[in-house]
């Protein structure tokens, strides 16, 4: 907790801008270090393929699959 007799020191606009530019340059050096040649920034195609009922049944188990398929309760909005 600063004492009342201590003065608050503020950066000048030039100092703030210089620090901001240095910070941004530091982030830019470490961001996106591995990008495949020809890669797009935002994927426009589906990332994975849609699962078949057989694949879902195999992953969750036959009993769980049948129970969830016949469950009359609606799923959570956040699911």
N, C-alpha and C. Protein backbone atom coordinates (compact mmCIF):
# COMPACT_ATOMS: atom_id res chain seq x y z
N UNK A 1 0.85 -1.18 0.00
CA UNK A 1 0.00 0.00 0.00
C UNK A 1 0.89 1.23 0.00
N UNK A 2 0.75 2.10 -0.99
CA UNK A 2 1.62 3.27 -1.06
C UNK A 2 1.30 4.27 0.04
N UNK A 3 2.33 4.93 0.47
CA UNK A 3 2.15 5.98 1.47
C UNK A 3 1.60 7.22 0.79
N UNK A 4 0.91 8.06 1.55
CA UNK A 4 0.32 9.26 0.97
C UNK A 4 1.39 10.21 0.46
N UNK A 5 2.57 10.18 1.06
CA UNK A 5 3.62 11.10 0.64
C UNK A 5 4.29 10.65 -0.66
N UNK A 6 4.10 9.38 -1.04
CA UNK A 6 4.70 8.90 -2.28
C UNK A 6 3.92 9.43 -3.48
N UNK A 7 4.63 9.85 -4.50
CA UNK A 7 3.98 10.32 -5.70
C UNK A 7 3.74 9.14 -6.64
N UNK A 8 2.61 9.17 -7.30
CA UNK A 8 2.33 8.15 -8.30
C UNK A 8 3.07 8.53 -9.57
N UNK A 9 3.75 7.54 -10.16
CA UNK A 9 4.48 7.80 -11.39
C UNK A 9 3.71 7.20 -12.55
N UNK A 10 3.45 8.02 -13.54
CA UNK A 10 2.74 7.58 -14.73
C UNK A 10 3.70 7.62 -15.91
N UNK A 11 3.48 6.69 -16.82
CA UNK A 11 4.27 6.67 -18.04
C UNK A 11 3.77 7.75 -18.98
N UNK A 12 4.68 8.28 -19.75
CA UNK A 12 4.26 9.21 -20.78
C UNK A 12 3.61 8.41 -21.90
N UNK A 13 2.94 9.11 -22.79
CA UNK A 13 2.28 8.43 -23.91
C UNK A 13 3.32 7.71 -24.76
N UNK A 14 4.46 8.35 -25.00
CA UNK A 14 5.51 7.75 -25.82
C UNK A 14 6.04 6.47 -25.16
N UNK A 15 6.23 6.50 -23.85
CA UNK A 15 6.71 5.31 -23.14
C UNK A 15 5.69 4.18 -23.21
N UNK A 16 4.43 4.52 -23.02
CA UNK A 16 3.37 3.50 -23.10
C UNK A 16 3.31 2.88 -24.48
N UNK A 17 3.40 3.71 -25.52
CA UNK A 17 3.36 3.18 -26.88
C UNK A 17 4.57 2.32 -27.18
N UNK A 18 5.74 2.72 -26.71
CA UNK A 18 6.97 1.94 -26.93
C UNK A 18 6.85 0.58 -26.26
N UNK A 19 6.35 0.55 -25.02
CA UNK A 19 6.19 -0.71 -24.31
C UNK A 19 5.16 -1.59 -25.01
N UNK A 20 4.09 -0.99 -25.49
CA UNK A 20 3.07 -1.73 -26.22
C UNK A 20 3.62 -2.35 -27.49
N UNK A 21 4.42 -1.59 -28.24
CA UNK A 21 5.02 -2.12 -29.47
C UNK A 21 5.99 -3.26 -29.15
N UNK A 22 6.77 -3.11 -28.09
CA UNK A 22 7.71 -4.18 -27.70
C UNK A 22 6.95 -5.44 -27.29
N UNK A 23 5.87 -5.27 -26.55
CA UNK A 23 5.06 -6.40 -26.13
C UNK A 23 4.45 -7.11 -27.32
N UNK A 24 3.87 -6.36 -28.24
CA UNK A 24 3.27 -6.95 -29.44
C UNK A 24 4.31 -7.67 -30.29
N UNK A 25 5.50 -7.10 -30.40
CA UNK A 25 6.56 -7.74 -31.17
C UNK A 25 6.97 -9.06 -30.52
N UNK A 26 7.00 -9.08 -29.19
CA UNK A 26 7.33 -10.32 -28.48
C UNK A 26 6.30 -11.40 -28.71
N UNK A 27 5.02 -11.03 -28.68
CA UNK A 27 3.96 -12.00 -28.96
C UNK A 27 4.06 -12.51 -30.40
N UNK A 28 4.33 -11.61 -31.33
CA UNK A 28 4.40 -11.99 -32.74
C UNK A 28 5.52 -12.99 -32.98
N UNK A 29 6.60 -12.90 -32.22
CA UNK A 29 7.72 -13.83 -32.42
C UNK A 29 7.34 -15.26 -32.07
N UNK A 30 6.43 -15.45 -31.09
CA UNK A 30 6.12 -16.81 -30.65
C UNK A 30 4.79 -17.33 -31.18
N UNK A 31 3.97 -16.48 -31.76
CA UNK A 31 2.68 -16.93 -32.28
C UNK A 31 2.85 -17.58 -33.64
N UNK A 32 2.05 -18.58 -33.87
CA UNK A 32 1.97 -19.23 -35.18
C UNK A 32 3.34 -19.65 -35.70
N UNK A 33 4.09 -20.31 -34.86
CA UNK A 33 5.43 -20.70 -35.27
C UNK A 33 5.41 -21.88 -36.22
N UNK A 34 4.35 -22.67 -36.21
CA UNK A 34 4.26 -23.81 -37.10
C UNK A 34 3.02 -23.71 -37.95
N UNK A 35 3.19 -23.28 -39.17
CA UNK A 35 2.08 -23.18 -40.11
C UNK A 35 2.48 -23.93 -41.38
N UNK A 36 1.63 -24.84 -41.78
CA UNK A 36 1.90 -25.57 -43.00
C UNK A 36 1.80 -24.63 -44.19
N UNK A 37 2.61 -24.88 -45.19
CA UNK A 37 2.57 -24.05 -46.38
C UNK A 37 1.21 -24.18 -47.04
N UNK A 38 0.59 -23.07 -47.34
CA UNK A 38 -0.72 -23.08 -47.97
C UNK A 38 -1.87 -23.20 -46.98
N UNK A 39 -1.58 -23.24 -45.68
CA UNK A 39 -2.65 -23.36 -44.69
C UNK A 39 -3.43 -22.06 -44.59
N UNK A 40 -4.72 -22.17 -44.32
CA UNK A 40 -5.57 -21.00 -44.16
C UNK A 40 -5.64 -20.66 -42.69
N UNK A 41 -5.89 -19.39 -42.38
CA UNK A 41 -5.96 -18.99 -40.98
C UNK A 41 -7.16 -19.59 -40.28
N UNK A 42 -8.31 -19.61 -40.95
CA UNK A 42 -9.53 -20.14 -40.36
C UNK A 42 -9.96 -21.34 -41.19
N UNK A 43 -10.07 -22.52 -40.56
CA UNK A 43 -10.50 -23.68 -41.34
C UNK A 43 -11.91 -23.47 -41.89
N UNK A 44 -12.08 -23.77 -43.15
CA UNK A 44 -13.40 -23.59 -43.76
C UNK A 44 -14.09 -24.92 -44.02
N UNK A 45 -13.39 -26.01 -43.86
CA UNK A 45 -13.96 -27.33 -44.07
C UNK A 45 -14.13 -28.01 -42.71
N UNK A 46 -14.98 -29.02 -42.64
CA UNK A 46 -15.12 -29.75 -41.37
C UNK A 46 -13.78 -30.33 -40.93
N UNK A 47 -13.52 -30.25 -39.62
CA UNK A 47 -12.26 -30.74 -39.09
C UNK A 47 -12.24 -32.26 -39.04
N UNK A 48 -13.32 -32.86 -38.59
CA UNK A 48 -13.41 -34.31 -38.50
C UNK A 48 -14.54 -34.82 -39.36
N UNK A 49 -14.64 -36.12 -39.42
CA UNK A 49 -15.74 -36.68 -40.18
C UNK A 49 -16.88 -37.08 -39.25
N UNK A 50 -18.09 -37.09 -39.76
CA UNK A 50 -19.25 -37.43 -38.97
C UNK A 50 -19.20 -38.91 -38.61
N UNK A 51 -19.51 -39.22 -37.35
CA UNK A 51 -19.47 -40.61 -36.90
C UNK A 51 -20.73 -41.36 -37.30
N UNK A 52 -20.56 -42.61 -37.64
CA UNK A 52 -21.71 -43.46 -37.95
C UNK A 52 -22.29 -43.99 -36.64
N UNK A 53 -23.52 -44.50 -36.70
CA UNK A 53 -24.13 -45.09 -35.51
C UNK A 53 -23.30 -46.25 -34.98
N UNK A 54 -22.72 -47.03 -35.87
CA UNK A 54 -21.91 -48.17 -35.45
C UNK A 54 -20.66 -47.71 -34.69
N UNK A 55 -20.03 -46.62 -35.16
CA UNK A 55 -18.84 -46.11 -34.50
C UNK A 55 -19.19 -45.54 -33.13
N UNK A 56 -20.30 -44.82 -33.03
CA UNK A 56 -20.74 -44.29 -31.74
C UNK A 56 -21.04 -45.43 -30.78
N UNK A 57 -21.74 -46.44 -31.26
CA UNK A 57 -22.08 -47.61 -30.43
C UNK A 57 -20.80 -48.28 -29.92
N UNK A 58 -19.79 -48.40 -30.78
CA UNK A 58 -18.53 -49.02 -30.38
C UNK A 58 -17.83 -48.19 -29.31
N UNK A 59 -17.87 -46.88 -29.45
CA UNK A 59 -17.16 -46.01 -28.51
C UNK A 59 -17.83 -45.92 -27.15
N UNK A 60 -19.16 -45.85 -27.11
CA UNK A 60 -19.85 -45.64 -25.84
C UNK A 60 -20.39 -46.93 -25.24
N UNK A 61 -20.45 -47.98 -26.03
CA UNK A 61 -21.02 -49.24 -25.55
C UNK A 61 -22.46 -49.36 -26.01
N UNK A 62 -22.85 -50.57 -26.31
CA UNK A 62 -24.17 -50.81 -26.88
C UNK A 62 -25.29 -50.39 -25.92
N UNK A 63 -25.14 -50.73 -24.64
CA UNK A 63 -26.17 -50.38 -23.65
C UNK A 63 -26.36 -48.88 -23.52
N UNK A 64 -25.25 -48.15 -23.41
CA UNK A 64 -25.33 -46.69 -23.30
C UNK A 64 -25.93 -46.08 -24.55
N UNK A 65 -25.57 -46.63 -25.70
CA UNK A 65 -26.09 -46.10 -26.96
C UNK A 65 -27.60 -46.26 -27.03
N UNK A 66 -28.10 -47.46 -26.71
CA UNK A 66 -29.54 -47.72 -26.76
C UNK A 66 -30.29 -46.86 -25.75
N UNK A 67 -29.72 -46.71 -24.55
CA UNK A 67 -30.37 -45.91 -23.52
C UNK A 67 -30.48 -44.45 -23.97
N UNK A 68 -29.39 -43.90 -24.52
CA UNK A 68 -29.39 -42.50 -24.94
C UNK A 68 -30.29 -42.29 -26.15
N UNK A 69 -30.35 -43.28 -27.04
CA UNK A 69 -31.15 -43.15 -28.24
C UNK A 69 -32.64 -43.11 -27.91
N UNK A 70 -33.05 -43.90 -26.90
CA UNK A 70 -34.47 -43.99 -26.53
C UNK A 70 -34.85 -43.06 -25.38
N UNK A 71 -33.92 -42.23 -24.91
CA UNK A 71 -34.16 -41.35 -23.78
C UNK A 71 -35.08 -40.20 -24.20
N UNK A 72 -36.27 -40.07 -23.58
CA UNK A 72 -37.20 -39.00 -23.98
C UNK A 72 -36.78 -37.63 -23.45
N UNK A 73 -35.85 -37.61 -22.51
CA UNK A 73 -35.45 -36.33 -21.92
C UNK A 73 -34.57 -35.57 -22.91
N UNK A 74 -34.81 -34.27 -23.04
CA UNK A 74 -34.02 -33.47 -23.98
C UNK A 74 -32.64 -33.22 -23.38
N UNK A 75 -31.67 -33.03 -24.25
CA UNK A 75 -30.31 -32.78 -23.80
C UNK A 75 -30.15 -31.36 -23.27
N UNK A 76 -29.05 -31.14 -22.61
CA UNK A 76 -28.75 -29.82 -22.07
C UNK A 76 -28.50 -28.84 -23.21
N UNK A 77 -28.85 -27.61 -22.99
CA UNK A 77 -28.61 -26.57 -24.00
C UNK A 77 -27.11 -26.41 -24.22
N UNK A 78 -26.32 -26.60 -23.17
CA UNK A 78 -24.89 -26.39 -23.27
C UNK A 78 -24.14 -27.61 -23.79
N UNK A 79 -24.84 -28.67 -24.13
CA UNK A 79 -24.16 -29.87 -24.59
C UNK A 79 -23.79 -29.76 -26.04
